[in-house]
Amino acid sequence: MLHVVLLLGCAVTIYLASEAFVNAVEWLGVRMKVGPVAVGTILAAVGTALPESVVTLVAVLFGGHSGADIGVGAALGGPLVVGTVAYAVVGGMLLLRRRAAGDAGPLDGTDLRGLARDQTWFLYIFVVKVALGLVAFSIKPWLGVAFLLAYAVYAFREMRGTGQHASAEGLEPLTFQRNRPVPTTFAVVTQTLVTVVVIFAASQLFVAQLAWAGPALGLPAAVVALLLSPVATELPEIMNAVIWVRQGKTSLALGNISGAMMIQATVPSALGLFFTPWKFDTPLVLAGAATLSSVLYLLVLFRRAQVTPRRLLVAGGFYLAFAAGLIADLS
């Protein structure tokens, strides 16, 4: 019973902390004078993905052989969940939000061209990432530097943006300074850091409870590691998307997912290449194939401007296909 209470408590804590984080990071974008899209693709994505990257680093450095497996699994599981489940959640939220208006058509006011560009970047990087897991050669660890450079170029391009700056118009007051129409920089930074720490701690406790839930439900350890744990670690990104869609800021929600995918494709991959053999077994190959299939599907939608809530929901089907393949491989 305690485990169930902790699971529910962690989920609620992550959601509430994500609301405060979203509030803070929007004000941070105003203070830093970055482009409105970069608030989601860079600031929010880095804030929620940084703790996961630290966990990956600790796992590969101090976890021994099992830590290496955890680190490589996280490097594949993160993009899989964000590239499938997160988009499906956005589609579901949009469907619920727009059903009352009888509107389930293409999205308006969203930079689909920019999202298509991000998906293309991700696709190229992820193909190389998976290909490296299928071969072995002596200089492979050094290629981790290329992944870090790829993200640096992406981040620089996003932060530079189009010359427009995020606006404070319409923003809710900062949670830590509700009585001030314009919060201080110190309060904005403090709220951002505090919420990141809370999200990180609650996410790790959530994952720990899943380690109990797996055996209790009769699930193999591999199923927990590759199916349930990645969903838990990517829960902050999913919560951010839910909150922004609820607030009518679909561009920020999709940008946050896109930015999180870029981080997951590069930083954990670099750490894995630096400190592990980076060799994939069948479950990891299945995860890579499901991710690539979903990204190709989304890329077609973005390029053709045919994105609808129902079509975003389809992305979740690639995760279900992976789950079915994984269970079949383990049986």
C-alpha atoms as a PDB file:
ATOM      1  CA  MET A   1       0.000   0.000   0.000  1.00  0.00           C
ATOM      2  CA  LEU A   2       2.875   2.354   0.813  1.00  0.00           C
ATOM      3  CA  HIS A   3       4.343   1.847  -2.671  1.00  0.00           C
ATOM      4  CA  VAL A   4       1.028   2.739  -4.308  1.00  0.00           C
ATOM      5  CA  VAL A   5       0.715   5.887  -2.188  1.00  0.00           C
ATOM      6  CA  LEU A   6       4.279   6.876  -3.089  1.00  0.00           C
ATOM      7  CA  LEU A   7       3.620   6.304  -6.800  1.00  0.00           C
ATOM      8  CA  LEU A   8       0.542   8.513  -6.722  1.00  0.00           C
ATOM      9  CA  GLY A   9       2.239  11.101  -4.527  1.00  0.00           C
ATOM     10  CA  CYS A  10       5.238  11.305  -6.847  1.00  0.00           C
ATOM     11  CA  ALA A  11       3.017  11.710  -9.910  1.00  0.00           C
ATOM     12  CA  VAL A  12       1.099  14.573  -8.261  1.00  0.00           C
ATOM     13  CA  THR A  13       4.347  16.178  -7.074  1.00  0.00           C
ATOM     14  CA  ILE A  14       5.863  16.005 -10.557  1.00  0.00           C
ATOM     15  CA  TYR A  15       2.775  17.616 -12.071  1.00  0.00           C
ATOM     16  CA  LEU A  16       2.635  20.462  -9.537  1.00  0.00           C
ATOM     17  CA  ALA A  17       6.399  21.050  -9.745  1.00  0.00           C
ATOM     18  CA  SER A  18       6.148  21.028 -13.547  1.00  0.00           C
ATOM     19  CA  GLU A  19       3.491  23.738 -13.395  1.00  0.00           C
ATOM     20  CA  ALA A  20       5.807  25.914 -11.310  1.00  0.00           C
ATOM     21  CA  PHE A  21       8.738  25.045 -13.602  1.00  0.00           C
ATOM     22  CA  VAL A  22       6.791  26.009 -16.737  1.00  0.00           C
ATOM     23  CA  ASN A  23       5.819  29.260 -15.047  1.00  0.00           C
ATOM     24  CA  ALA A  24       9.445  29.996 -14.152  1.00  0.00           C
ATOM     25  CA  VAL A  25      10.989  28.998 -17.461  1.00  0.00           C
ATOM     26  CA  GLU A  26       8.651  31.283 -19.417  1.00  0.00           C
ATOM     27  CA  TRP A  27       9.790  34.216 -17.272  1.00  0.00           C
ATOM     28  CA  LEU A  28      13.387  33.022 -17.681  1.00  0.00           C
ATOM     29  CA  GLY A  29      12.958  33.229 -21.438  1.00  0.00           C
ATOM     30  CA  VAL A  30      11.762  36.824 -21.077  1.00  0.00           C
ATOM     31  CA  ARG A  31      14.727  37.692 -18.846  1.00  0.00           C
ATOM     32  CA  MET A  32      17.244  36.060 -21.205  1.00  0.00           C
ATOM     33  CA  LYS A  33      15.584  37.667 -24.259  1.00  0.00           C
ATOM     34  CA  VAL A  34      15.550  34.413 -26.210  1.00  0.00           C
ATOM     35  CA  GLY A  35      13.163  33.540 -29.011  1.00  0.00           C
ATOM     36  CA  PRO A  36       9.716  32.339 -27.971  1.00  0.00           C
ATOM     37  CA  VAL A  37      10.304  28.887 -29.495  1.00  0.00           C
ATOM     38  CA  ALA A  38      13.620  28.480 -27.641  1.00  0.00           C
ATOM     39  CA  VAL A  39      11.738  28.679 -24.322  1.00  0.00           C
ATOM     40  CA  GLY A  40      10.375  25.209 -25.067  1.00  0.00           C
ATOM     41  CA  THR A  41      13.099  23.680 -27.227  1.00  0.00           C
ATOM     42  CA  ILE A  42      16.078  24.740 -25.095  1.00  0.00           C
ATOM     43  CA  LEU A  43      15.282  26.200 -21.658  1.00  0.00           C
ATOM     44  CA  ALA A  44      12.469  23.823 -20.679  1.00  0.00           C
ATOM     45  CA  ALA A  45      14.056  20.819 -22.391  1.00  0.00           C
ATOM     46  CA  VAL A  46      17.443  21.325 -20.736  1.00  0.00           C
ATOM     47  CA  GLY A  47      15.836  21.864 -17.334  1.00  0.00           C
ATOM     48  CA  THR A  48      13.938  18.575 -17.391  1.00  0.00           C
ATOM     49  CA  ALA A  49      16.545  16.496 -19.259  1.00  0.00           C
ATOM     50  CA  LEU A  50      19.633  17.603 -17.294  1.00  0.00           C
ATOM     51  CA  PRO A  51      18.823  15.496 -14.196  1.00  0.00           C
ATOM     52  CA  GLU A  52      18.324  12.420 -16.399  1.00  0.00           C
ATOM     53  CA  SER A  53      21.700  13.014 -18.052  1.00  0.00           C
ATOM     54  CA  VAL A  54      23.319  13.243 -14.613  1.00  0.00           C
ATOM     55  CA  VAL A  55      21.724   9.917 -13.650  1.00  0.00           C
ATOM     56  CA  THR A  56      23.066   8.367 -16.865  1.00  0.00           C
ATOM     57  CA  LEU A  57      26.549   9.714 -16.103  1.00  0.00           C
ATOM     58  CA  VAL A  58      26.498   8.295 -12.572  1.00  0.00           C
ATOM     59  CA  ALA A  59      25.232   4.932 -13.853  1.00  0.00           C
ATOM     60  CA  VAL A  60      27.933   4.471 -16.493  1.00  0.00           C
ATOM     61  CA  LEU A  61      30.736   5.717 -14.238  1.00  0.00           C
ATOM     62  CA  PHE A  62      29.923   3.943 -10.977  1.00  0.00           C
ATOM     63  CA  GLY A  63      27.364   1.259 -11.795  1.00  0.00           C
ATOM     64  CA  GLY A  64      29.705  -1.384 -13.197  1.00  0.00           C
ATOM     65  CA  HIS A  65      28.348  -3.698 -15.896  1.00  0.00           C
ATOM     66  CA  SER A  66      24.728  -3.217 -14.822  1.00  0.00           C
ATOM     67  CA  GLY A  67      25.247   0.540 -14.765  1.00  0.00           C
ATOM     68  CA  ALA A  68      26.483   0.412 -18.357  1.00  0.00           C
ATOM     69  CA  ASP A  69      23.326  -1.467 -19.355  1.00  0.00           C
ATOM     70  CA  ILE A  70      21.168   1.087 -17.539  1.00  0.00           C
ATOM     71  CA  GLY A  71      22.981   3.984 -19.202  1.00  0.00           C
ATOM     72  CA  VAL A  72      22.661   2.563 -22.725  1.00  0.00           C
ATOM     73  CA  GLY A  73      19.033   1.595 -22.061  1.00  0.00           C
ATOM     74  CA  ALA A  74      18.244   5.133 -20.912  1.00  0.00           C
ATOM     75  CA  ALA A  75      19.907   6.570 -24.022  1.00  0.00           C
ATOM     76  CA  LEU A  76      17.517   4.521 -26.204  1.00  0.00           C
ATOM     77  CA  GLY A  77      14.464   4.522 -23.923  1.00  0.00           C
ATOM     78  CA  GLY A  78      14.318   8.302 -23.509  1.00  0.00           C
ATOM     79  CA  PRO A  79      13.974   9.184 -27.216  1.00  0.00           C
ATOM     80  CA  LEU A  80      11.555   6.267 -27.668  1.00  0.00           C
ATOM     81  CA  VAL A  81       9.138   7.571 -25.033  1.00  0.00           C
ATOM     82  CA  VAL A  82       9.426  11.235 -26.008  1.00  0.00           C
ATOM     83  CA  GLY A  83       9.092  10.462 -29.719  1.00  0.00           C
ATOM     84  CA  THR A  84       5.986   8.302 -29.259  1.00  0.00           C
ATOM     85  CA  VAL A  85       4.146   8.616 -25.936  1.00  0.00           C
ATOM     86  CA  ALA A  86       4.754  12.358 -25.474  1.00  0.00           C
ATOM     87  CA  TYR A  87       3.366  13.234 -28.922  1.00  0.00           C
ATOM     88  CA  ALA A  88       0.395  10.918 -28.335  1.00  0.00           C
ATOM     89  CA  VAL A  89      -0.327  12.651 -25.014  1.00  0.00           C
ATOM     90  CA  VAL A  90      -0.295  16.040 -26.758  1.00  0.00           C
ATOM     91  CA  GLY A  91      -2.680  14.653 -29.366  1.00  0.00           C
ATOM     92  CA  GLY A  92      -5.000  13.344 -26.658  1.00  0.00           C
ATOM     93  CA  MET A  93      -4.947  16.626 -24.747  1.00  0.00           C
ATOM     94  CA  LEU A  94      -5.633  18.619 -27.918  1.00  0.00           C
ATOM     95  CA  LEU A  95      -8.496  16.304 -28.797  1.00  0.00           C
ATOM     96  CA  LEU A  96     -10.078  16.782 -25.380  1.00  0.00           C
ATOM     97  CA  ARG A  97      -9.534  20.540 -25.463  1.00  0.00           C
ATOM     98  CA  ARG A  98     -10.883  21.040 -28.956  1.00  0.00           C
ATOM     99  CA  ARG A  99     -13.743  18.541 -28.950  1.00  0.00           C
ATOM    100  CA  ALA A 100     -16.083  21.055 -27.339  1.00  0.00           C
ATOM    101  CA  ALA A 101     -15.484  23.389 -30.271  1.00  0.00           C
ATOM    102  CA  GLY A 102     -15.938  20.561 -32.772  1.00  0.00           C
ATOM    103  CA  ASP A 103     -12.448  21.199 -34.148  1.00  0.00           C
ATOM    104  CA  ALA A 104     -10.067  18.319 -34.789  1.00  0.00           C
ATOM    105  CA  GLY A 105      -8.476  19.682 -37.941  1.00  0.00           C
ATOM    106  CA  PRO A 106      -4.868  20.730 -38.635  1.00  0.00           C
ATOM    107  CA  LEU A 107      -3.071  22.825 -36.030  1.00  0.00           C
ATOM    108  CA  ASP A 108      -3.017  26.560 -36.630  1.00  0.00           C
ATOM    109  CA  GLY A 109      -0.360  28.980 -35.415  1.00  0.00           C
ATOM    110  CA  THR A 110       2.264  26.251 -34.900  1.00  0.00           C
ATOM    111  CA  ASP A 111       5.665  26.398 -36.609  1.00  0.00           C
ATOM    112  CA  LEU A 112       5.389  23.046 -38.383  1.00  0.00           C
ATOM    113  CA  ARG A 113       8.327  23.882 -40.635  1.00  0.00           C
ATOM    114  CA  GLY A 114      10.556  24.361 -37.589  1.00  0.00           C
ATOM    115  CA  LEU A 115       9.297  21.123 -36.061  1.00  0.00           C
ATOM    116  CA  ALA A 116      10.017  19.298 -39.327  1.00  0.00           C
ATOM    117  CA  ARG A 117      13.538  20.728 -39.305  1.00  0.00           C
ATOM    118  CA  ASP A 118      14.065  19.495 -35.730  1.00  0.00           C
ATOM    119  CA  GLN A 119      12.750  16.031 -36.614  1.00  0.00           C
ATOM    120  CA  THR A 120      15.173  15.909 -39.553  1.00  0.00           C
ATOM    121  CA  TRP A 121      18.092  16.822 -37.293  1.00  0.00           C
ATOM    122  CA  PHE A 122      17.015  14.171 -34.823  1.00  0.00           C
ATOM    123  CA  LEU A 123      16.600  11.553 -37.551  1.00  0.00           C
ATOM    124  CA  TYR A 124      20.129  12.006 -38.895  1.00  0.00           C
ATOM    125  CA  ILE A 125      21.672  11.899 -35.412  1.00  0.00           C
ATOM    126  CA  PHE A 126      19.589   8.947 -34.261  1.00  0.00           C
ATOM    127  CA  VAL A 127      20.404   6.868 -37.358  1.00  0.00           C
ATOM    128  CA  VAL A 128      24.112   7.325 -36.633  1.00  0.00           C
ATOM    129  CA  LYS A 129      23.496   6.565 -32.958  1.00  0.00           C
ATOM    130  CA  VAL A 130      21.785   3.244 -33.730  1.00  0.00           C
ATOM    131  CA  ALA A 131      24.294   2.305 -36.435  1.00  0.00           C
ATOM    132  CA  LEU A 132      27.176   2.757 -33.966  1.00  0.00           C
ATOM    133  CA  GLY A 133      25.461   0.292 -31.616  1.00  0.00           C
ATOM    134  CA  LEU A 134      25.669  -2.425 -34.275  1.00  0.00           C
ATOM    135  CA  VAL A 135      29.400  -2.243 -34.978  1.00  0.00           C
ATOM    136  CA  ALA A 136      32.640  -2.248 -33.006  1.00  0.00           C
ATOM    137  CA  PHE A 137      35.834  -0.315 -33.772  1.00  0.00           C
ATOM    138  CA  SER A 138      38.595   1.265 -31.714  1.00  0.00           C
ATOM    139  CA  ILE A 139      37.852   4.978 -32.154  1.00  0.00           C
ATOM    140  CA  LYS A 140      34.118   4.705 -31.480  1.00  0.00           C
ATOM    141  CA  PRO A 141      34.337   6.370 -27.998  1.00  0.00           C
ATOM    142  CA  TRP A 142      35.769   9.519 -29.554  1.00  0.00           C
ATOM    143  CA  LEU A 143      32.658   9.967 -31.669  1.00  0.00           C
ATOM    144  CA  GLY A 144      30.849  11.021 -28.490  1.00  0.00           C
ATOM    145  CA  VAL A 145      32.401  14.458 -29.014  1.00  0.00           C
ATOM    146  CA  ALA A 146      30.538  14.760 -32.327  1.00  0.00           C
ATOM    147  CA  PHE A 147      27.206  14.190 -30.543  1.00  0.00           C
ATOM    148  CA  LEU A 148      27.953  16.973 -28.044  1.00  0.00           C
ATOM    149  CA  LEU A 149      28.969  19.313 -30.853  1.00  0.00           C
ATOM    150  CA  ALA A 150      25.772  18.498 -32.742  1.00  0.00           C
ATOM    151  CA  TYR A 151      23.673  19.540 -29.759  1.00  0.00           C
ATOM    152  CA  ALA A 152      25.764  22.704 -29.255  1.00  0.00           C
ATOM    153  CA  VAL A 153      25.073  23.744 -32.858  1.00  0.00           C
ATOM    154  CA  TYR A 154      21.361  22.992 -32.473  1.00  0.00           C
ATOM    155  CA  ALA A 155      21.127  24.941 -29.196  1.00  0.00           C
ATOM    156  CA  PHE A 156      22.988  27.938 -30.651  1.00  0.00           C
ATOM    157  CA  ARG A 157      20.647  28.027 -33.638  1.00  0.00           C
ATOM    158  CA  GLU A 158      17.538  27.802 -31.456  1.00  0.00           C
ATOM    159  CA  MET A 159      18.701  30.440 -28.963  1.00  0.00           C
ATOM    160  CA  ARG A 160      19.516  32.852 -31.770  1.00  0.00           C
ATOM    161  CA  GLY A 161      16.060  32.271 -33.223  1.00  0.00           C
ATOM    162  CA  THR A 162      14.545  34.745 -35.667  1.00  0.00           C
ATOM    163  CA  GLY A 163      15.371  37.928 -33.794  1.00  0.00           C
ATOM    164  CA  GLN A 164      12.087  37.911 -31.859  1.00  0.00           C
ATOM    165  CA  HIS A 165      12.110  37.750 -28.058  1.00  0.00           C
ATOM    166  CA  ALA A 166       9.775  35.955 -25.691  1.00  0.00           C
ATOM    167  CA  SER A 167       7.142  38.371 -24.391  1.00  0.00           C
ATOM    168  CA  ALA A 168       5.842  38.808 -20.848  1.00  0.00           C
ATOM    169  CA  GLU A 169       2.401  39.637 -22.197  1.00  0.00           C
ATOM    170  CA  GLY A 170      -0.204  37.199 -20.919  1.00  0.00           C
ATOM    171  CA  LEU A 171       2.174  35.393 -18.542  1.00  0.00           C
ATOM    172  CA  GLU A 172       0.860  34.436 -15.126  1.00  0.00           C
ATOM    173  CA  PRO A 173       2.691  36.023 -12.147  1.00  0.00           C
ATOM    174  CA  LEU A 174       5.709  34.092 -10.941  1.00  0.00           C
ATOM    175  CA  THR A 175       4.641  31.595  -8.286  1.00  0.00           C
ATOM    176  CA  PHE A 176       7.371  32.767  -5.889  1.00  0.00           C
ATOM    177  CA  GLN A 177       6.349  36.453  -6.345  1.00  0.00           C
ATOM    178  CA  ARG A 178       2.628  36.479  -7.067  1.00  0.00           C
ATOM    179  CA  ASN A 179       2.231  40.107  -5.977  1.00  0.00           C
ATOM    180  CA  ARG A 180       4.779  41.459  -8.453  1.00  0.00           C
ATOM    181  CA  PRO A 181       3.695  42.003 -12.086  1.00  0.00           C
ATOM    182  CA  VAL A 182       7.357  41.642 -13.137  1.00  0.00           C
ATOM    183  CA  PRO A 183       9.410  39.281 -10.936  1.00  0.00           C
ATOM    184  CA  THR A 184      13.048  39.763 -10.052  1.00  0.00           C
ATOM    185  CA  THR A 185      15.702  37.774 -11.882  1.00  0.00           C
ATOM    186  CA  PHE A 186      16.774  36.174  -8.589  1.00  0.00           C
ATOM    187  CA  ALA A 187      13.250  34.888  -7.945  1.00  0.00           C
ATOM    188  CA  VAL A 188      12.938  33.516 -11.493  1.00  0.00           C
ATOM    189  CA  VAL A 189      16.251  31.649 -11.294  1.00  0.00           C
ATOM    190  CA  THR A 190      15.497  30.386  -7.772  1.00  0.00           C
ATOM    191  CA  GLN A 191      12.080  29.018  -8.772  1.00  0.00           C
ATOM    192  CA  THR A 192      13.595  27.370 -11.851  1.00  0.00           C
ATOM    193  CA  LEU A 193      16.331  25.621  -9.857  1.00  0.00           C
ATOM    194  CA  VAL A 194      14.059  24.592  -6.972  1.00  0.00           C
ATOM    195  CA  THR A 195      11.472  23.064  -9.284  1.00  0.00           C
ATOM    196  CA  VAL A 196      14.140  21.173 -11.268  1.00  0.00           C
ATOM    197  CA  VAL A 197      15.457  19.653  -8.022  1.00  0.00           C
ATOM    198  CA  VAL A 198      11.931  18.681  -6.901  1.00  0.00           C
ATOM    199  CA  ILE A 199      11.126  17.147 -10.305  1.00  0.00           C
ATOM    200  CA  PHE A 200      14.411  15.237 -10.266  1.00  0.00           C
ATOM    201  CA  ALA A 201      13.875  13.853  -6.757  1.00  0.00           C
ATOM    202  CA  ALA A 202      10.241  12.900  -7.377  1.00  0.00           C
ATOM    203  CA  SER A 203      11.117  11.241 -10.701  1.00  0.00           C
ATOM    204  CA  GLN A 204      13.841   9.119  -9.128  1.00  0.00           C
ATOM    205  CA  LEU A 205      11.513   8.049  -6.295  1.00  0.00           C
ATOM    206  CA  PHE A 206       8.861   7.217  -8.909  1.00  0.00           C
ATOM    207  CA  VAL A 207      11.348   4.991 -10.775  1.00  0.00           C
ATOM    208  CA  ALA A 208      12.311   3.289  -7.495  1.00  0.00           C
ATOM    209  CA  GLN A 209       8.662   2.435  -6.851  1.00  0.00           C
ATOM    210  CA  LEU A 210       8.378   0.965 -10.343  1.00  0.00           C
ATOM    211  CA  ALA A 211      11.226  -1.395  -9.419  1.00  0.00           C
ATOM    212  CA  TRP A 212       8.849  -2.746  -6.767  1.00  0.00           C
ATOM    213  CA  ALA A 213       5.806  -2.715  -9.037  1.00  0.00           C
ATOM    214  CA  GLY A 214       7.437  -4.884 -11.721  1.00  0.00           C
ATOM    215  CA  PRO A 215       7.945  -8.032  -9.615  1.00  0.00           C
ATOM    216  CA  ALA A 216       4.652  -7.401  -7.786  1.00  0.00           C
ATOM    217  CA  LEU A 217       2.835  -7.495 -11.134  1.00  0.00           C
ATOM    218  CA  GLY A 218       4.884 -10.447 -12.364  1.00  0.00           C
ATOM    219  CA  LEU A 219       6.738  -8.397 -15.006  1.00  0.00           C
ATOM    220  CA  PRO A 220      10.310  -9.309 -16.064  1.00  0.00           C
ATOM    221  CA  ALA A 221      13.055  -6.860 -15.118  1.00  0.00           C
ATOM    222  CA  ALA A 222      13.731  -6.077 -18.790  1.00  0.00           C
ATOM    223  CA  VAL A 223      10.098  -4.995 -19.270  1.00  0.00           C
ATOM    224  CA  VAL A 224      10.354  -2.615 -16.321  1.00  0.00           C
ATOM    225  CA  ALA A 225      13.715  -1.265 -17.505  1.00  0.00           C
ATOM    226  CA  LEU A 226      12.710  -0.647 -21.135  1.00  0.00           C
ATOM    227  CA  LEU A 227       8.950  -0.030 -20.895  1.00  0.00           C
ATOM    228  CA  LEU A 228       8.030   1.476 -17.535  1.00  0.00           C
ATOM    229  CA  SER A 229      11.187   3.223 -16.300  1.00  0.00           C
ATOM    230  CA  PRO A 230      11.668   5.397 -19.435  1.00  0.00           C
ATOM    231  CA  VAL A 231       8.063   6.587 -19.140  1.00  0.00           C
ATOM    232  CA  ALA A 232       8.753   7.578 -15.532  1.00  0.00           C
ATOM    233  CA  THR A 233      11.994   9.403 -16.334  1.00  0.00           C
ATOM    234  CA  GLU A 234      10.340  11.289 -19.206  1.00  0.00           C
ATOM    235  CA  LEU A 235       7.293  12.160 -17.089  1.00  0.00           C
ATOM    236  CA  PRO A 236       8.447  15.787 -16.536  1.00  0.00           C
ATOM    237  CA  GLU A 237       8.584  16.437 -20.294  1.00  0.00           C
ATOM    238  CA  ILE A 238       5.151  14.861 -20.716  1.00  0.00           C
ATOM    239  CA  MET A 239       3.747  16.926 -17.833  1.00  0.00           C
ATOM    240  CA  ASN A 240       5.182  20.119 -19.340  1.00  0.00           C
ATOM    241  CA  ALA A 241       3.441  19.319 -22.611  1.00  0.00           C
ATOM    242  CA  VAL A 242       0.135  18.644 -20.827  1.00  0.00           C
ATOM    243  CA  ILE A 243       0.343  21.954 -18.963  1.00  0.00           C
ATOM    244  CA  TRP A 244       1.188  24.011 -22.051  1.00  0.00           C
ATOM    245  CA  VAL A 245      -1.577  22.409 -24.122  1.00  0.00           C
ATOM    246  CA  ARG A 246      -4.026  23.085 -21.268  1.00  0.00           C
ATOM    247  CA  GLN A 247      -2.909  26.741 -21.370  1.00  0.00           C
ATOM    248  CA  GLY A 248      -3.418  26.901 -25.136  1.00  0.00           C
ATOM    249  CA  LYS A 249       0.335  27.072 -25.893  1.00  0.00           C
ATOM    250  CA  THR A 250       0.631  24.143 -28.280  1.00  0.00           C
ATOM    251  CA  SER A 251       3.760  25.545 -29.955  1.00  0.00           C
ATOM    252  CA  LEU A 252       5.626  25.498 -26.644  1.00  0.00           C
ATOM    253  CA  ALA A 253       4.383  21.980 -25.878  1.00  0.00           C
ATOM    254  CA  LEU A 254       5.558  20.579 -29.209  1.00  0.00           C
ATOM    255  CA  GLY A 255       8.778  22.598 -29.029  1.00  0.00           C
ATOM    256  CA  ASN A 256       9.529  21.179 -25.584  1.00  0.00           C
ATOM    257  CA  ILE A 257       9.129  17.627 -26.900  1.00  0.00           C
ATOM    258  CA  SER A 258      11.256  18.401 -29.946  1.00  0.00           C
ATOM    259  CA  GLY A 259      14.015  19.933 -27.815  1.00  0.00           C
ATOM    260  CA  ALA A 260      13.917  17.052 -25.326  1.00  0.00           C
ATOM    261  CA  MET A 261      14.347  14.590 -28.200  1.00  0.00           C
ATOM    262  CA  MET A 262      17.450  16.431 -29.377  1.00  0.00           C
ATOM    263  CA  ILE A 263      19.002  16.302 -25.913  1.00  0.00           C
ATOM    264  CA  GLN A 264      18.139  12.619 -25.499  1.00  0.00           C
ATOM    265  CA  ALA A 265      19.650  11.842 -28.906  1.00  0.00           C
ATOM    266  CA  THR A 266      22.974  13.519 -28.130  1.00  0.00           C
ATOM    267  CA  VAL A 267      24.028  13.976 -24.488  1.00  0.00           C
ATOM    268  CA  PRO A 268      23.232  10.476 -23.082  1.00  0.00           C
ATOM    269  CA  SER A 269      24.578   8.988 -26.325  1.00  0.00           C
ATOM    270  CA  ALA A 270      27.878  10.823 -25.873  1.00  0.00           C
ATOM    271  CA  LEU A 271      28.136   9.556 -22.286  1.00  0.00           C
ATOM    272  CA  GLY A 272      27.377   6.023 -23.447  1.00  0.00           C
ATOM    273  CA  LEU A 273      30.023   6.179 -26.169  1.00  0.00           C
ATOM    274  CA  PHE A 274      32.597   7.584 -23.750  1.00  0.00           C
ATOM    275  CA  PHE A 275      32.132   5.032 -20.969  1.00  0.00           C
ATOM    276  CA  THR A 276      30.468   1.865 -22.350  1.00  0.00           C
ATOM    277  CA  PRO A 277      31.061  -0.539 -25.280  1.00  0.00           C
ATOM    278  CA  TRP A 278      27.850   0.846 -26.866  1.00  0.00           C
ATOM    279  CA  LYS A 279      26.689  -2.513 -28.246  1.00  0.00           C
ATOM    280  CA  PHE A 280      22.964  -3.132 -28.796  1.00  0.00           C
ATOM    281  CA  ASP A 281      21.061  -6.340 -28.150  1.00  0.00           C
ATOM    282  CA  THR A 282      17.673  -7.210 -29.662  1.00  0.00           C
ATOM    283  CA  PRO A 283      15.511  -5.136 -27.258  1.00  0.00           C
ATOM    284  CA  LEU A 284      17.626  -2.032 -27.909  1.00  0.00           C
ATOM    285  CA  VAL A 285      17.449  -2.567 -31.674  1.00  0.00           C
ATOM    286  CA  LEU A 286      13.660  -2.852 -31.362  1.00  0.00           C
ATOM    287  CA  ALA A 287      13.589   0.412 -29.388  1.00  0.00           C
ATOM    288  CA  GLY A 288      15.664   2.120 -32.075  1.00  0.00           C
ATOM    289  CA  ALA A 289      13.436   0.819 -34.869  1.00  0.00           C
ATOM    290  CA  ALA A 290      10.234   1.950 -33.114  1.00  0.00           C
ATOM    291  CA  THR A 291      11.684   5.422 -32.514  1.00  0.00           C
ATOM    292  CA  LEU A 292      12.834   5.832 -36.108  1.00  0.00           C
ATOM    293  CA  SER A 293       9.453   4.665 -37.434  1.00  0.00           C
ATOM    294  CA  SER A 294       7.584   7.180 -35.270  1.00  0.00           C
ATOM    295  CA  VAL A 295       9.915  10.043 -36.199  1.00  0.00           C
ATOM    296  CA  LEU A 296       9.560   9.294 -39.924  1.00  0.00           C
ATOM    297  CA  TYR A 297       5.784   9.269 -39.527  1.00  0.00           C
ATOM    298  CA  LEU A 298       5.823  12.603 -37.651  1.00  0.00           C
ATOM    299  CA  LEU A 299       8.246  14.129 -40.140  1.00  0.00           C
ATOM    300  CA  VAL A 300       5.810  13.419 -42.986  1.00  0.00           C
ATOM    301  CA  LEU A 301       2.987  15.057 -41.007  1.00  0.00           C
ATOM    302  CA  PHE A 302       5.040  18.145 -40.200  1.00  0.00           C
ATOM    303  CA  ARG A 303       6.374  18.599 -43.729  1.00  0.00           C
ATOM    304  CA  ARG A 304       2.935  18.235 -45.289  1.00  0.00           C
ATOM    305  CA  ALA A 305       1.272  20.402 -42.616  1.00  0.00           C
ATOM    306  CA  GLN A 306      -1.160  17.558 -41.936  1.00  0.00           C
ATOM    307  CA  VAL A 307      -0.834  17.469 -38.133  1.00  0.00           C
ATOM    308  CA  THR A 308      -4.100  16.835 -36.293  1.00  0.00           C
ATOM    309  CA  PRO A 309      -4.749  15.666 -32.721  1.00  0.00           C
ATOM    310  CA  ARG A 310      -5.834  12.227 -33.945  1.00  0.00           C
ATOM    311  CA  ARG A 311      -2.735  11.820 -36.110  1.00  0.00           C
ATOM    312  CA  LEU A 312      -0.512  12.729 -33.169  1.00  0.00           C
ATOM    313  CA  LEU A 313      -2.281  10.018 -31.171  1.00  0.00           C
ATOM    314  CA  VAL A 314      -1.093   7.466 -33.730  1.00  0.00           C
ATOM    315  CA  ALA A 315       2.506   8.052 -32.559  1.00  0.00           C
ATOM    316  CA  GLY A 316       1.637   6.137 -29.387  1.00  0.00           C
ATOM    317  CA  GLY A 317       1.010   3.069 -31.535  1.00  0.00           C
ATOM    318  CA  PHE A 318       4.730   2.777 -32.273  1.00  0.00           C
ATOM    319  CA  TYR A 319       5.394   2.476 -28.542  1.00  0.00           C
ATOM    320  CA  LEU A 320       2.734  -0.239 -28.265  1.00  0.00           C
ATOM    321  CA  ALA A 321       4.343  -2.044 -31.207  1.00  0.00           C
ATOM    322  CA  PHE A 322       7.681  -1.911 -29.405  1.00  0.00           C
ATOM    323  CA  ALA A 323       6.088  -3.262 -26.238  1.00  0.00           C
ATOM    324  CA  ALA A 324       4.576  -6.174 -28.171  1.00  0.00           C
ATOM    325  CA  GLY A 325       7.915  -6.917 -29.861  1.00  0.00           C
ATOM    326  CA  LEU A 326       9.786  -6.768 -26.556  1.00  0.00           C
ATOM    327  CA  ILE A 327       7.379  -9.122 -24.801  1.00  0.00           C
ATOM    328  CA  ALA A 328       7.521 -11.529 -27.766  1.00  0.00           C
ATOM    329  CA  ASP A 329      11.341 -11.471 -27.682  1.00  0.00           C
ATOM    330  CA  LEU A 330      11.418 -12.196 -23.953  1.00  0.00           C
ATOM    331  CA  SER A 331       8.844 -15.016 -24.065  1.00  0.00           C
END
